[in-house]
Amino acid sequence: MLETLGFLLLHVALVLGCGRPAVQPDTNRVVNGEDARPHSWPWQISLQVKHGSRYHHTCGGTLVAPRWVLTAGHCIWPGDNYRVVLGEHDMTQQEGTEQIREILRIVVHPKWDIDHVSDGNDLALLKLDKSPIMSDSISPACLPVAGEIPAHGAVCYITGWGNLYSHGPMPNKLQQALLPVVQHSVCKQSDWWGINVKTTMICAGGGAVSGCNGDSGGPLNCQGEDGRWYVQGVTSFVSSRVCNEAKKPTVFTRTSAFAQWLSEVMQRY
């Protein structure tokens, strides 16, 4: 049943033409975080929360279907007012590619617990009030099949507007960084993340390159053998001391471990 649901998710995504950006990301020169090529990650969204009369970026997220955005459970707080901005690149500029959507429904994973982050289940799906107009700047990422796990050392990229370094400024332009996958058997070692990392998570990067505050909820982008880009992970947590601590790679919720839940929610609502 799980494989069937995963296959259906993949089939739907393929029909939508997922994971093929019109503007190809620059993956040739990434060593540390840097400005992404504008609109080369067209599924990246900015989740914004309203404070007073203004909205502010709080988390990333991924467009995975015309009306569905995938983000982290810890990005959502009851009572807060959110919106989604698609087609964004430079937060300080009106580039004409942006589309703003209200959120019709928020579905946080029922087992997510903000007091026990390392238990996992750090996922939320956001249903938009209406589909964005698909363009070169806005298109969905692909969802992986159920149970798929990227290999150790697989080349993946984190994207987001998170802090450039621990306690540092947030960038105006979307950032990308190469984060090779760290297999679970390594990441669970006692001097790495130990028992804090579960099999439903993916570790990637570590040391000089990592995610940071504000990247939460955004994608771990991994290119499949078919050339399409898949959201293999949802940014969940980093070290509480510094973002780029050695042996503390960024930890992502593994999307393929939740194929059945994702499918059920998107079909139900």
C-alpha atoms as a PDB file:
ATOM      1  CA  MET A   1       0.000   0.000   0.000  1.00  0.00           C
ATOM      2  CA  LEU A   2       2.802   2.403   0.918  1.00  0.00           C
ATOM      3  CA  GLU A   3       4.619   1.797  -2.373  1.00  0.00           C
ATOM      4  CA  THR A   4       1.361   2.293  -4.288  1.00  0.00           C
ATOM      5  CA  LEU A   5       0.748   5.651  -2.636  1.00  0.00           C
ATOM      6  CA  GLY A   6       4.329   6.675  -3.241  1.00  0.00           C
ATOM      7  CA  PHE A   7       3.981   5.705  -6.887  1.00  0.00           C
ATOM      8  CA  LEU A   8       0.772   7.729  -7.199  1.00  0.00           C
ATOM      9  CA  LEU A   9       2.501  10.775  -5.708  1.00  0.00           C
ATOM     10  CA  LEU A  10       5.353  10.410  -8.154  1.00  0.00           C
ATOM     11  CA  HIS A  11       2.966   9.901 -11.077  1.00  0.00           C
ATOM     12  CA  VAL A  12       1.006  13.038 -10.202  1.00  0.00           C
ATOM     13  CA  ALA A  13       4.222  15.015  -9.861  1.00  0.00           C
ATOM     14  CA  LEU A  14       5.507  13.824 -13.227  1.00  0.00           C
ATOM     15  CA  VAL A  15       2.260  14.774 -14.922  1.00  0.00           C
ATOM     16  CA  LEU A  16       2.660  18.253 -13.457  1.00  0.00           C
ATOM     17  CA  GLY A  17       6.123  18.513 -15.003  1.00  0.00           C
ATOM     18  CA  CYS A  18       7.841  18.728 -11.635  1.00  0.00           C
ATOM     19  CA  GLY A  19      11.501  19.190 -10.872  1.00  0.00           C
ATOM     20  CA  ARG A  20      12.571  20.748 -14.164  1.00  0.00           C
ATOM     21  CA  PRO A  21      13.431  24.425 -13.666  1.00  0.00           C
ATOM     22  CA  ALA A  22      13.350  26.646 -16.744  1.00  0.00           C
ATOM     23  CA  VAL A  23      16.405  28.421 -15.315  1.00  0.00           C
ATOM     24  CA  GLN A  24      19.055  25.833 -14.480  1.00  0.00           C
ATOM     25  CA  PRO A  25      20.675  26.192 -11.042  1.00  0.00           C
ATOM     26  CA  ASP A  26      24.388  26.938 -11.012  1.00  0.00           C
ATOM     27  CA  THR A  27      25.790  23.788  -9.440  1.00  0.00           C
ATOM     28  CA  ASN A  28      29.334  24.113 -10.755  1.00  0.00           C
ATOM     29  CA  ARG A  29      30.887  26.516  -8.270  1.00  0.00           C
ATOM     30  CA  VAL A  30      29.134  26.033  -4.949  1.00  0.00           C
ATOM     31  CA  VAL A  31      31.520  25.473  -2.057  1.00  0.00           C
ATOM     32  CA  ASN A  32      29.846  27.468   0.678  1.00  0.00           C
ATOM     33  CA  GLY A  33      26.521  29.258   0.680  1.00  0.00           C
ATOM     34  CA  GLU A  34      26.091  31.855  -2.070  1.00  0.00           C
ATOM     35  CA  ASP A  35      23.455  33.701  -4.055  1.00  0.00           C
ATOM     36  CA  ALA A  36      21.393  31.316  -6.130  1.00  0.00           C
ATOM     37  CA  ARG A  37      20.864  31.996  -9.803  1.00  0.00           C
ATOM     38  CA  PRO A  38      17.533  33.903  -9.836  1.00  0.00           C
ATOM     39  CA  HIS A  39      14.502  31.604 -10.090  1.00  0.00           C
ATOM     40  CA  SER A  40      16.588  28.465 -10.586  1.00  0.00           C
ATOM     41  CA  TRP A  41      14.770  26.832  -7.647  1.00  0.00           C
ATOM     42  CA  PRO A  42      11.212  27.753  -8.735  1.00  0.00           C
ATOM     43  CA  TRP A  43       9.534  25.597  -6.083  1.00  0.00           C
ATOM     44  CA  GLN A  44      11.158  27.504  -3.203  1.00  0.00           C
ATOM     45  CA  ILE A  45       8.661  29.669  -1.326  1.00  0.00           C
ATOM     46  CA  SER A  46       8.893  32.192   1.493  1.00  0.00           C
ATOM     47  CA  LEU A  47       6.527  31.490   4.375  1.00  0.00           C
ATOM     48  CA  GLN A  48       5.760  34.842   5.951  1.00  0.00           C
ATOM     49  CA  VAL A  49       4.125  35.643   9.288  1.00  0.00           C
ATOM     50  CA  LYS A  50       2.203  38.823  10.046  1.00  0.00           C
ATOM     51  CA  HIS A  51       3.518  41.079  12.805  1.00  0.00           C
ATOM     52  CA  GLY A  52       1.425  44.201  13.209  1.00  0.00           C
ATOM     53  CA  SER A  53       0.544  45.365   9.723  1.00  0.00           C
ATOM     54  CA  ARG A  54       3.518  43.774   7.951  1.00  0.00           C
ATOM     55  CA  TYR A  55       4.579  40.303   6.913  1.00  0.00           C
ATOM     56  CA  HIS A  56       8.084  38.960   7.588  1.00  0.00           C
ATOM     57  CA  HIS A  57       9.927  35.890   6.304  1.00  0.00           C
ATOM     58  CA  THR A  58       9.958  33.157   8.931  1.00  0.00           C
ATOM     59  CA  CYS A  59      10.581  29.859   7.092  1.00  0.00           C
ATOM     60  CA  GLY A  60      11.090  28.274   3.719  1.00  0.00           C
ATOM     61  CA  GLY A  61       8.915  25.723   2.012  1.00  0.00           C
ATOM     62  CA  THR A  62       8.456  23.797  -1.215  1.00  0.00           C
ATOM     63  CA  LEU A  63       5.684  23.881  -3.784  1.00  0.00           C
ATOM     64  CA  VAL A  64       4.921  20.186  -4.366  1.00  0.00           C
ATOM     65  CA  ALA A  65       1.561  20.463  -6.168  1.00  0.00           C
ATOM     66  CA  PRO A  66      -0.436  23.390  -7.616  1.00  0.00           C
ATOM     67  CA  ARG A  67      -2.124  24.179  -4.291  1.00  0.00           C
ATOM     68  CA  TRP A  68       0.164  22.473  -1.790  1.00  0.00           C
ATOM     69  CA  VAL A  69       3.307  23.682  -0.022  1.00  0.00           C
ATOM     70  CA  LEU A  70       5.460  21.431   2.160  1.00  0.00           C
ATOM     71  CA  THR A  71       7.204  22.970   5.173  1.00  0.00           C
ATOM     72  CA  ALA A  72       8.263  22.076   8.730  1.00  0.00           C
ATOM     73  CA  GLY A  73       5.867  21.581  11.614  1.00  0.00           C
ATOM     74  CA  HIS A  74       7.970  23.808  13.860  1.00  0.00           C
ATOM     75  CA  CYS A  75       7.374  26.720  11.467  1.00  0.00           C
ATOM     76  CA  ILE A  76       3.698  26.812  12.415  1.00  0.00           C
ATOM     77  CA  TRP A  77       2.395  28.369  15.627  1.00  0.00           C
ATOM     78  CA  PRO A  78      -1.322  28.327  16.485  1.00  0.00           C
ATOM     79  CA  GLY A  79      -2.943  31.724  16.147  1.00  0.00           C
ATOM     80  CA  ASP A  80      -0.321  33.226  13.845  1.00  0.00           C
ATOM     81  CA  ASN A  81      -1.339  34.632  10.469  1.00  0.00           C
ATOM     82  CA  TYR A  82       0.698  33.364   7.509  1.00  0.00           C
ATOM     83  CA  ARG A  83       0.946  33.843   3.784  1.00  0.00           C
ATOM     84  CA  VAL A  84       3.047  32.232   1.038  1.00  0.00           C
ATOM     85  CA  VAL A  85       5.139  34.171  -1.462  1.00  0.00           C
ATOM     86  CA  LEU A  86       6.113  32.290  -4.615  1.00  0.00           C
ATOM     87  CA  GLY A  87       8.493  33.407  -7.360  1.00  0.00           C
ATOM     88  CA  GLU A  88      10.614  35.336  -4.869  1.00  0.00           C
ATOM     89  CA  HIS A  89      14.367  35.893  -5.192  1.00  0.00           C
ATOM     90  CA  ASP A  90      15.435  39.264  -3.792  1.00  0.00           C
ATOM     91  CA  MET A  91      13.398  40.194  -0.737  1.00  0.00           C
ATOM     92  CA  THR A  92      14.185  43.888  -1.198  1.00  0.00           C
ATOM     93  CA  GLN A  93      12.981  44.131  -4.795  1.00  0.00           C
ATOM     94  CA  GLN A  94       9.655  43.855  -6.572  1.00  0.00           C
ATOM     95  CA  GLU A  95      10.815  41.793  -9.528  1.00  0.00           C
ATOM     96  CA  GLY A  96       7.422  41.184 -11.095  1.00  0.00           C
ATOM     97  CA  THR A  97       7.687  37.423 -10.661  1.00  0.00           C
ATOM     98  CA  GLU A  98       6.228  37.253  -7.152  1.00  0.00           C
ATOM     99  CA  GLN A  99       2.802  35.792  -6.469  1.00  0.00           C
ATOM    100  CA  ILE A 100       1.209  35.964  -3.025  1.00  0.00           C
ATOM    101  CA  ARG A 101      -1.248  33.338  -1.839  1.00  0.00           C
ATOM    102  CA  GLU A 102      -3.287  33.091   1.320  1.00  0.00           C
ATOM    103  CA  ILE A 103      -3.340  29.777   3.182  1.00  0.00           C
ATOM    104  CA  LEU A 104      -6.687  28.003   3.151  1.00  0.00           C
ATOM    105  CA  ARG A 105      -5.689  25.117   5.417  1.00  0.00           C
ATOM    106  CA  ILE A 106      -2.704  24.132   7.554  1.00  0.00           C
ATOM    107  CA  VAL A 107      -2.171  20.445   8.321  1.00  0.00           C
ATOM    108  CA  VAL A 108       0.646  19.734  10.780  1.00  0.00           C
ATOM    109  CA  HIS A 109       1.727  16.108  11.178  1.00  0.00           C
ATOM    110  CA  PRO A 110      -0.322  14.702  14.082  1.00  0.00           C
ATOM    111  CA  LYS A 111       2.772  13.303  15.817  1.00  0.00           C
ATOM    112  CA  TRP A 112       4.794  16.502  15.667  1.00  0.00           C
ATOM    113  CA  ASP A 113       5.697  17.749  19.167  1.00  0.00           C
ATOM    114  CA  ILE A 114       7.541  21.049  19.562  1.00  0.00           C
ATOM    115  CA  ASP A 115       8.823  19.887  22.966  1.00  0.00           C
ATOM    116  CA  HIS A 116      10.442  16.775  21.449  1.00  0.00           C
ATOM    117  CA  VAL A 117      11.975  17.911  18.170  1.00  0.00           C
ATOM    118  CA  SER A 118      14.267  14.892  17.913  1.00  0.00           C
ATOM    119  CA  ASP A 119      11.257  12.559  17.832  1.00  0.00           C
ATOM    120  CA  GLY A 120      10.795  13.650  14.242  1.00  0.00           C
ATOM    121  CA  ASN A 121       7.552  14.127  12.292  1.00  0.00           C
ATOM    122  CA  ASP A 122       8.547  17.758  11.665  1.00  0.00           C
ATOM    123  CA  LEU A 123       6.239  18.335   8.714  1.00  0.00           C
ATOM    124  CA  ALA A 124       3.305  20.498   7.714  1.00  0.00           C
ATOM    125  CA  LEU A 125       1.303  20.847   4.519  1.00  0.00           C
ATOM    126  CA  LEU A 126      -0.203  24.197   3.549  1.00  0.00           C
ATOM    127  CA  LYS A 127      -3.135  24.346   1.143  1.00  0.00           C
ATOM    128  CA  LEU A 128      -3.175  27.579  -0.844  1.00  0.00           C
ATOM    129  CA  ASP A 129      -6.399  29.487  -1.474  1.00  0.00           C
ATOM    130  CA  LYS A 130      -5.778  29.152  -5.210  1.00  0.00           C
ATOM    131  CA  SER A 131      -3.120  27.760  -7.480  1.00  0.00           C
ATOM    132  CA  PRO A 132      -0.309  30.087  -8.533  1.00  0.00           C
ATOM    133  CA  ILE A 133       0.120  30.750 -12.225  1.00  0.00           C
ATOM    134  CA  MET A 134       2.916  28.421 -13.272  1.00  0.00           C
ATOM    135  CA  SER A 135       5.818  30.142 -15.007  1.00  0.00           C
ATOM    136  CA  ASP A 136       9.579  30.039 -15.445  1.00  0.00           C
ATOM    137  CA  SER A 137       9.757  31.387 -11.868  1.00  0.00           C
ATOM    138  CA  ILE A 138       7.148  29.124 -10.258  1.00  0.00           C
ATOM    139  CA  SER A 139       6.841  25.357 -10.671  1.00  0.00           C
ATOM    140  CA  PRO A 140       6.702  22.351  -8.320  1.00  0.00           C
ATOM    141  CA  ALA A 141       9.483  20.071  -7.127  1.00  0.00           C
ATOM    142  CA  CYS A 142       9.067  16.311  -7.364  1.00  0.00           C
ATOM    143  CA  LEU A 143       8.252  14.120  -4.376  1.00  0.00           C
ATOM    144  CA  PRO A 144      10.368  10.956  -4.014  1.00  0.00           C
ATOM    145  CA  VAL A 145       8.869   7.481  -3.985  1.00  0.00           C
ATOM    146  CA  ALA A 146       8.114   5.926  -0.616  1.00  0.00           C
ATOM    147  CA  GLY A 147      11.180   4.694   1.249  1.00  0.00           C
ATOM    148  CA  GLU A 148      13.770   6.167  -1.099  1.00  0.00           C
ATOM    149  CA  ILE A 149      16.988   7.182   0.691  1.00  0.00           C
ATOM    150  CA  PRO A 150      19.736   9.148  -1.078  1.00  0.00           C
ATOM    151  CA  ALA A 151      23.125   7.451  -0.912  1.00  0.00           C
ATOM    152  CA  HIS A 152      25.970   8.579   1.352  1.00  0.00           C
ATOM    153  CA  GLY A 153      27.749  11.459  -0.342  1.00  0.00           C
ATOM    154  CA  ALA A 154      24.870  12.183  -2.727  1.00  0.00           C
ATOM    155  CA  VAL A 155      25.107  15.743  -4.017  1.00  0.00           C
ATOM    156  CA  CYS A 156      22.167  17.766  -2.710  1.00  0.00           C
ATOM    157  CA  TYR A 157      21.535  21.468  -2.156  1.00  0.00           C
ATOM    158  CA  ILE A 158      19.848  23.418   0.600  1.00  0.00           C
ATOM    159  CA  THR A 159      18.134  26.649  -0.414  1.00  0.00           C
ATOM    160  CA  GLY A 160      16.679  29.451   1.660  1.00  0.00           C
ATOM    161  CA  TRP A 161      16.900  32.934   3.109  1.00  0.00           C
ATOM    162  CA  GLY A 162      18.262  31.759   6.474  1.00  0.00           C
ATOM    163  CA  ASN A 163      21.008  33.520   8.443  1.00  0.00           C
ATOM    164  CA  LEU A 164      24.312  33.636   6.572  1.00  0.00           C
ATOM    165  CA  TYR A 165      26.051  32.391   9.732  1.00  0.00           C
ATOM    166  CA  SER A 166      25.215  31.873  13.417  1.00  0.00           C
ATOM    167  CA  HIS A 167      23.492  35.008  14.763  1.00  0.00           C
ATOM    168  CA  GLY A 168      24.364  36.720  11.487  1.00  0.00           C
ATOM    169  CA  PRO A 169      22.208  38.702   9.057  1.00  0.00           C
ATOM    170  CA  MET A 170      19.566  37.254   6.799  1.00  0.00           C
ATOM    171  CA  PRO A 171      20.345  37.676   3.096  1.00  0.00           C
ATOM    172  CA  ASN A 172      18.196  39.616   0.674  1.00  0.00           C
ATOM    173  CA  LYS A 173      18.711  37.082  -2.115  1.00  0.00           C
ATOM    174  CA  LEU A 174      17.922  33.372  -2.074  1.00  0.00           C
ATOM    175  CA  GLN A 175      20.966  31.333  -1.053  1.00  0.00           C
ATOM    176  CA  GLN A 176      22.038  27.847  -2.072  1.00  0.00           C
ATOM    177  CA  ALA A 177      24.691  25.558  -0.647  1.00  0.00           C
ATOM    178  CA  LEU A 178      26.012  22.124  -1.501  1.00  0.00           C
ATOM    179  CA  LEU A 179      25.264  19.636   1.289  1.00  0.00           C
ATOM    180  CA  PRO A 180      26.427  16.056   0.627  1.00  0.00           C
ATOM    181  CA  VAL A 181      24.240  13.427   2.288  1.00  0.00           C
ATOM    182  CA  VAL A 182      25.631  11.777   5.445  1.00  0.00           C
ATOM    183  CA  GLN A 183      24.305   8.248   5.812  1.00  0.00           C
ATOM    184  CA  HIS A 184      22.334   7.372   8.925  1.00  0.00           C
ATOM    185  CA  SER A 185      24.934   4.930  10.273  1.00  0.00           C
ATOM    186  CA  VAL A 186      27.448   7.798  10.440  1.00  0.00           C
ATOM    187  CA  CYS A 187      25.084  10.513  11.618  1.00  0.00           C
ATOM    188  CA  LYS A 188      23.788   8.398  14.516  1.00  0.00           C
ATOM    189  CA  GLN A 189      27.271   7.893  16.002  1.00  0.00           C
ATOM    190  CA  SER A 190      27.576   9.187  19.545  1.00  0.00           C
ATOM    191  CA  ASP A 191      29.963  12.030  18.665  1.00  0.00           C
ATOM    192  CA  TRP A 192      27.679  13.091  15.809  1.00  0.00           C
ATOM    193  CA  TRP A 193      23.918  13.399  16.435  1.00  0.00           C
ATOM    194  CA  GLY A 194      23.591  10.116  18.347  1.00  0.00           C
ATOM    195  CA  ILE A 195      20.058   9.143  19.369  1.00  0.00           C
ATOM    196  CA  ASN A 196      18.728  12.530  18.275  1.00  0.00           C
ATOM    197  CA  VAL A 197      18.656  11.471  14.635  1.00  0.00           C
ATOM    198  CA  LYS A 198      16.002   8.944  13.588  1.00  0.00           C
ATOM    199  CA  THR A 199      15.645   6.767  10.514  1.00  0.00           C
ATOM    200  CA  THR A 200      12.890   9.119   9.319  1.00  0.00           C
ATOM    201  CA  MET A 201      15.481  11.885   8.983  1.00  0.00           C
ATOM    202  CA  ILE A 202      18.318  12.727   6.583  1.00  0.00           C
ATOM    203  CA  CYS A 203      21.604  14.336   7.588  1.00  0.00           C
ATOM    204  CA  ALA A 204      23.492  16.456   5.072  1.00  0.00           C
ATOM    205  CA  GLY A 205      26.486  18.782   5.105  1.00  0.00           C
ATOM    206  CA  GLY A 206      28.145  19.667   8.390  1.00  0.00           C
ATOM    207  CA  GLY A 207      31.238  21.626   9.343  1.00  0.00           C
ATOM    208  CA  ALA A 208      31.749  24.704   7.198  1.00  0.00           C
ATOM    209  CA  VAL A 209      28.482  24.401   5.269  1.00  0.00           C
ATOM    210  CA  SER A 210      25.058  23.996   6.835  1.00  0.00           C
ATOM    211  CA  GLY A 211      21.584  25.361   7.133  1.00  0.00           C
ATOM    212  CA  CYS A 212      20.821  28.077   9.660  1.00  0.00           C
ATOM    213  CA  ASN A 213      17.912  29.866  11.295  1.00  0.00           C
ATOM    214  CA  GLY A 214      15.367  30.929   8.695  1.00  0.00           C
ATOM    215  CA  ASP A 215      16.143  27.991   6.393  1.00  0.00           C
ATOM    216  CA  SER A 216      13.699  25.852   8.371  1.00  0.00           C
ATOM    217  CA  GLY A 217      10.989  24.212   6.327  1.00  0.00           C
ATOM    218  CA  GLY A 218      12.867  24.634   3.066  1.00  0.00           C
ATOM    219  CA  PRO A 219      13.939  21.797   0.784  1.00  0.00           C
ATOM    220  CA  LEU A 220      16.915  19.511   0.516  1.00  0.00           C
ATOM    221  CA  ASN A 221      17.075  19.436  -3.285  1.00  0.00           C
ATOM    222  CA  CYS A 222      18.535  16.264  -4.800  1.00  0.00           C
ATOM    223  CA  GLN A 223      18.687  15.530  -8.519  1.00  0.00           C
ATOM    224  CA  GLY A 224      17.445  12.115  -9.585  1.00  0.00           C
ATOM    225  CA  GLU A 225      18.826   9.905 -12.318  1.00  0.00           C
ATOM    226  CA  ASP A 226      15.988  11.183 -14.514  1.00  0.00           C
ATOM    227  CA  GLY A 227      17.405  14.712 -14.264  1.00  0.00           C
ATOM    228  CA  ARG A 228      14.514  15.981 -12.168  1.00  0.00           C
ATOM    229  CA  TRP A 229      14.931  17.644  -8.774  1.00  0.00           C
ATOM    230  CA  TYR A 230      13.326  15.956  -5.783  1.00  0.00           C
ATOM    231  CA  VAL A 231      12.618  17.398  -2.343  1.00  0.00           C
ATOM    232  CA  GLN A 232      14.248  14.600  -0.361  1.00  0.00           C
ATOM    233  CA  GLY A 233      14.166  16.477   2.932  1.00  0.00           C
ATOM    234  CA  VAL A 234      12.517  19.314   4.839  1.00  0.00           C
ATOM    235  CA  THR A 235      14.937  21.406   6.909  1.00  0.00           C
ATOM    236  CA  SER A 236      14.328  20.560  10.584  1.00  0.00           C
ATOM    237  CA  PHE A 237      17.204  21.418  12.937  1.00  0.00           C
ATOM    238  CA  VAL A 238      20.873  22.330  13.332  1.00  0.00           C
ATOM    239  CA  SER A 239      23.162  22.552  16.341  1.00  0.00           C
ATOM    240  CA  SER A 240      21.840  24.830  19.093  1.00  0.00           C
ATOM    241  CA  ARG A 241      25.358  26.248  19.580  1.00  0.00           C
ATOM    242  CA  VAL A 242      26.389  27.280  16.073  1.00  0.00           C
ATOM    243  CA  CYS A 243      24.908  26.506  12.660  1.00  0.00           C
ATOM    244  CA  ASN A 244      28.102  25.038  11.201  1.00  0.00           C
ATOM    245  CA  GLU A 245      29.400  22.824  14.010  1.00  0.00           C
ATOM    246  CA  ALA A 246      31.649  19.904  13.029  1.00  0.00           C
ATOM    247  CA  LYS A 247      29.943  16.504  13.087  1.00  0.00           C
ATOM    248  CA  LYS A 248      26.568  18.211  13.403  1.00  0.00           C
ATOM    249  CA  PRO A 249      25.191  18.208   9.865  1.00  0.00           C
ATOM    250  CA  THR A 250      21.861  19.823   9.103  1.00  0.00           C
ATOM    251  CA  VAL A 251      19.019  17.420   9.883  1.00  0.00           C
ATOM    252  CA  PHE A 252      16.045  17.135   7.555  1.00  0.00           C
ATOM    253  CA  THR A 253      12.753  15.298   7.835  1.00  0.00           C
ATOM    254  CA  ARG A 254      13.018  12.562   5.189  1.00  0.00           C
ATOM    255  CA  THR A 255      10.155  13.190   2.796  1.00  0.00           C
ATOM    256  CA  SER A 256       9.997   9.620   1.484  1.00  0.00           C
ATOM    257  CA  ALA A 257       9.291   8.322   5.011  1.00  0.00           C
ATOM    258  CA  PHE A 258       5.976  10.213   4.962  1.00  0.00           C
ATOM    259  CA  ALA A 259       4.701   9.394   1.473  1.00  0.00           C
ATOM    260  CA  GLN A 260       1.508   7.845   2.782  1.00  0.00           C
ATOM    261  CA  TRP A 261       0.669  10.796   5.057  1.00  0.00           C
ATOM    262  CA  LEU A 262       1.393  13.326   2.313  1.00  0.00           C
ATOM    263  CA  SER A 263      -0.806  11.461  -0.121  1.00  0.00           C
ATOM    264  CA  GLU A 264      -3.655  11.072   2.371  1.00  0.00           C
ATOM    265  CA  VAL A 265      -3.675  14.764   3.312  1.00  0.00           C
ATOM    266  CA  MET A 266      -3.571  16.027  -0.265  1.00  0.00           C
ATOM    267  CA  GLN A 267      -6.388  13.669  -1.257  1.00  0.00           C
ATOM    268  CA  ARG A 268      -8.539  14.396   1.802  1.00  0.00           C
ATOM    269  CA  TYR A 269      -8.447  18.178   1.549  1.00  0.00           C
END
